[in-house]
Amino acid sequence: MNKKIPMRQCTGCREMKPKRELIRVVRSPEGEISIDFKGKKSGRGAYVCPDAECLRRAIKSRAFERAFDVKIPDEIYENLSREMEAGDE
């Protein structure tokens, strides 16, 4: 019997993809925004492809701000883009 693969929608390209292929950004119950690479942190999560273009689209459309209902600090976006560049190498 095949195991069901959890799917999530990218906030940038709006495509459904396997959860493991996406990067999770999480808002903790305390309201702190961070990047969750393991997918285990508690809180509200939003996902983005590990692709700079998807991140640009998500930032431009304010997708994370809508998902979390809070202003996202610029350093979170900078950390995301740094991680994506590091992943490309």
C-alpha atoms as a PDB file:
ATOM      1  CA  MET A   1       0.000   0.000   0.000  1.00  0.00           C
ATOM      2  CA  ASN A   2       1.422   3.378  -1.045  1.00  0.00           C
ATOM      3  CA  LYS A   3       1.825   6.075   1.551  1.00  0.00           C
ATOM      4  CA  LYS A   4       0.036   9.353   0.847  1.00  0.00           C
ATOM      5  CA  ILE A   5       2.404  12.270   0.148  1.00  0.00           C
ATOM      6  CA  PRO A   6       1.401  15.497   1.947  1.00  0.00           C
ATOM      7  CA  MET A   7       0.955  18.343  -0.539  1.00  0.00           C
ATOM      8  CA  ARG A   8       1.233  22.073   0.154  1.00  0.00           C
ATOM      9  CA  GLN A   9       0.729  25.173  -1.992  1.00  0.00           C
ATOM     10  CA  CYS A  10       3.663  27.475  -2.749  1.00  0.00           C
ATOM     11  CA  THR A  11       2.849  31.086  -1.834  1.00  0.00           C
ATOM     12  CA  GLY A  12       4.820  32.305  -4.862  1.00  0.00           C
ATOM     13  CA  CYS A  13       3.754  30.195  -7.864  1.00  0.00           C
ATOM     14  CA  ARG A  14       0.548  28.863  -6.191  1.00  0.00           C
ATOM     15  CA  GLU A  15       1.345  25.305  -7.350  1.00  0.00           C
ATOM     16  CA  MET A  16       0.652  22.253  -5.200  1.00  0.00           C
ATOM     17  CA  LYS A  17       3.906  20.398  -4.473  1.00  0.00           C
ATOM     18  CA  PRO A  18       5.097  17.722  -2.035  1.00  0.00           C
ATOM     19  CA  LYS A  19       5.684  19.255   1.394  1.00  0.00           C
ATOM     20  CA  ARG A  20       9.299  18.053   1.525  1.00  0.00           C
ATOM     21  CA  GLU A  21      10.215  20.047  -1.621  1.00  0.00           C
ATOM     22  CA  LEU A  22       9.128  23.355  -0.073  1.00  0.00           C
ATOM     23  CA  ILE A  23      10.600  25.692   2.543  1.00  0.00           C
ATOM     24  CA  ARG A  24       8.325  26.408   5.509  1.00  0.00           C
ATOM     25  CA  VAL A  25       8.081  29.839   7.075  1.00  0.00           C
ATOM     26  CA  VAL A  26       6.362  29.720  10.456  1.00  0.00           C
ATOM     27  CA  ARG A  27       4.751  32.192  12.848  1.00  0.00           C
ATOM     28  CA  SER A  28       5.107  30.862  16.392  1.00  0.00           C
ATOM     29  CA  PRO A  29       2.305  31.216  18.953  1.00  0.00           C
ATOM     30  CA  GLU A  30       4.350  34.124  20.409  1.00  0.00           C
ATOM     31  CA  GLY A  31       4.194  35.901  17.020  1.00  0.00           C
ATOM     32  CA  GLU A  32       7.832  35.324  16.027  1.00  0.00           C
ATOM     33  CA  ILE A  33       8.465  34.685  12.301  1.00  0.00           C
ATOM     34  CA  SER A  34      11.211  32.200  11.401  1.00  0.00           C
ATOM     35  CA  ILE A  35      12.294  29.677   8.776  1.00  0.00           C
ATOM     36  CA  ASP A  36      11.515  26.064   9.666  1.00  0.00           C
ATOM     37  CA  PHE A  37      13.695  23.612   7.743  1.00  0.00           C
ATOM     38  CA  LYS A  38      12.605  20.520   9.676  1.00  0.00           C
ATOM     39  CA  GLY A  39       8.877  21.282   9.467  1.00  0.00           C
ATOM     40  CA  LYS A  40       8.456  20.530  13.174  1.00  0.00           C
ATOM     41  CA  LYS A  41       8.132  23.971  14.800  1.00  0.00           C
ATOM     42  CA  SER A  42       4.752  24.744  16.284  1.00  0.00           C
ATOM     43  CA  GLY A  43       2.753  27.561  14.779  1.00  0.00           C
ATOM     44  CA  ARG A  44       1.131  28.669  11.545  1.00  0.00           C
ATOM     45  CA  GLY A  45       3.113  27.699   8.461  1.00  0.00           C
ATOM     46  CA  ALA A  46       3.293  28.994   4.902  1.00  0.00           C
ATOM     47  CA  TYR A  47       5.363  27.378   2.174  1.00  0.00           C
ATOM     48  CA  VAL A  48       7.508  28.594  -0.718  1.00  0.00           C
ATOM     49  CA  CYS A  49       9.491  26.760  -3.405  1.00  0.00           C
ATOM     50  CA  PRO A  50      13.276  26.852  -2.971  1.00  0.00           C
ATOM     51  CA  ASP A  51      13.370  29.144  -6.014  1.00  0.00           C
ATOM     52  CA  ALA A  52      14.292  32.852  -6.000  1.00  0.00           C
ATOM     53  CA  GLU A  53      11.540  33.697  -8.508  1.00  0.00           C
ATOM     54  CA  CYS A  54       8.834  32.144  -6.299  1.00  0.00           C
ATOM     55  CA  LEU A  55      10.180  34.056  -3.298  1.00  0.00           C
ATOM     56  CA  ARG A  56      10.105  37.313  -5.297  1.00  0.00           C
ATOM     57  CA  ARG A  57       6.482  36.672  -6.278  1.00  0.00           C
ATOM     58  CA  ALA A  58       5.514  35.877  -2.676  1.00  0.00           C
ATOM     59  CA  ILE A  59       7.170  39.081  -1.418  1.00  0.00           C
ATOM     60  CA  LYS A  60       5.614  41.204  -4.163  1.00  0.00           C
ATOM     61  CA  SER A  61       2.111  39.847  -3.525  1.00  0.00           C
ATOM     62  CA  ARG A  62       2.623  40.037   0.276  1.00  0.00           C
ATOM     63  CA  ALA A  63       1.546  36.390   0.482  1.00  0.00           C
ATOM     64  CA  PHE A  64       3.337  35.727   3.796  1.00  0.00           C
ATOM     65  CA  GLU A  65       1.870  38.852   5.371  1.00  0.00           C
ATOM     66  CA  ARG A  66      -1.624  37.716   4.368  1.00  0.00           C
ATOM     67  CA  ALA A  67      -0.997  34.144   5.555  1.00  0.00           C
ATOM     68  CA  PHE A  68       0.240  35.271   8.980  1.00  0.00           C
ATOM     69  CA  ASP A  69      -1.836  38.454   9.275  1.00  0.00           C
ATOM     70  CA  VAL A  70       1.291  40.317  10.447  1.00  0.00           C
ATOM     71  CA  LYS A  71       4.070  42.510   8.946  1.00  0.00           C
ATOM     72  CA  ILE A  72       7.069  40.386   7.969  1.00  0.00           C
ATOM     73  CA  PRO A  73      10.517  41.792   8.921  1.00  0.00           C
ATOM     74  CA  ASP A  74      12.914  42.309   6.005  1.00  0.00           C
ATOM     75  CA  GLU A  75      15.536  40.066   7.634  1.00  0.00           C
ATOM     76  CA  ILE A  76      13.220  37.047   7.205  1.00  0.00           C
ATOM     77  CA  TYR A  77      13.108  37.691   3.448  1.00  0.00           C
ATOM     78  CA  GLU A  78      16.888  38.204   3.428  1.00  0.00           C
ATOM     79  CA  ASN A  79      17.429  34.909   5.301  1.00  0.00           C
ATOM     80  CA  LEU A  80      15.149  33.092   2.847  1.00  0.00           C
ATOM     81  CA  SER A  81      16.960  34.430  -0.194  1.00  0.00           C
ATOM     82  CA  ARG A  82      20.364  33.630   1.392  1.00  0.00           C
ATOM     83  CA  GLU A  83      19.261  30.050   2.086  1.00  0.00           C
ATOM     84  CA  MET A  84      18.027  29.644  -1.490  1.00  0.00           C
ATOM     85  CA  GLU A  85      21.323  30.911  -2.900  1.00  0.00           C
ATOM     86  CA  ALA A  86      23.229  28.514  -0.627  1.00  0.00           C
ATOM     87  CA  GLY A  87      21.005  25.640  -1.775  1.00  0.00           C
ATOM     88  CA  ASP A  88      21.751  26.347  -5.452  1.00  0.00           C
ATOM     89  CA  GLU A  89      25.485  25.858  -4.993  1.00  0.00           C
END
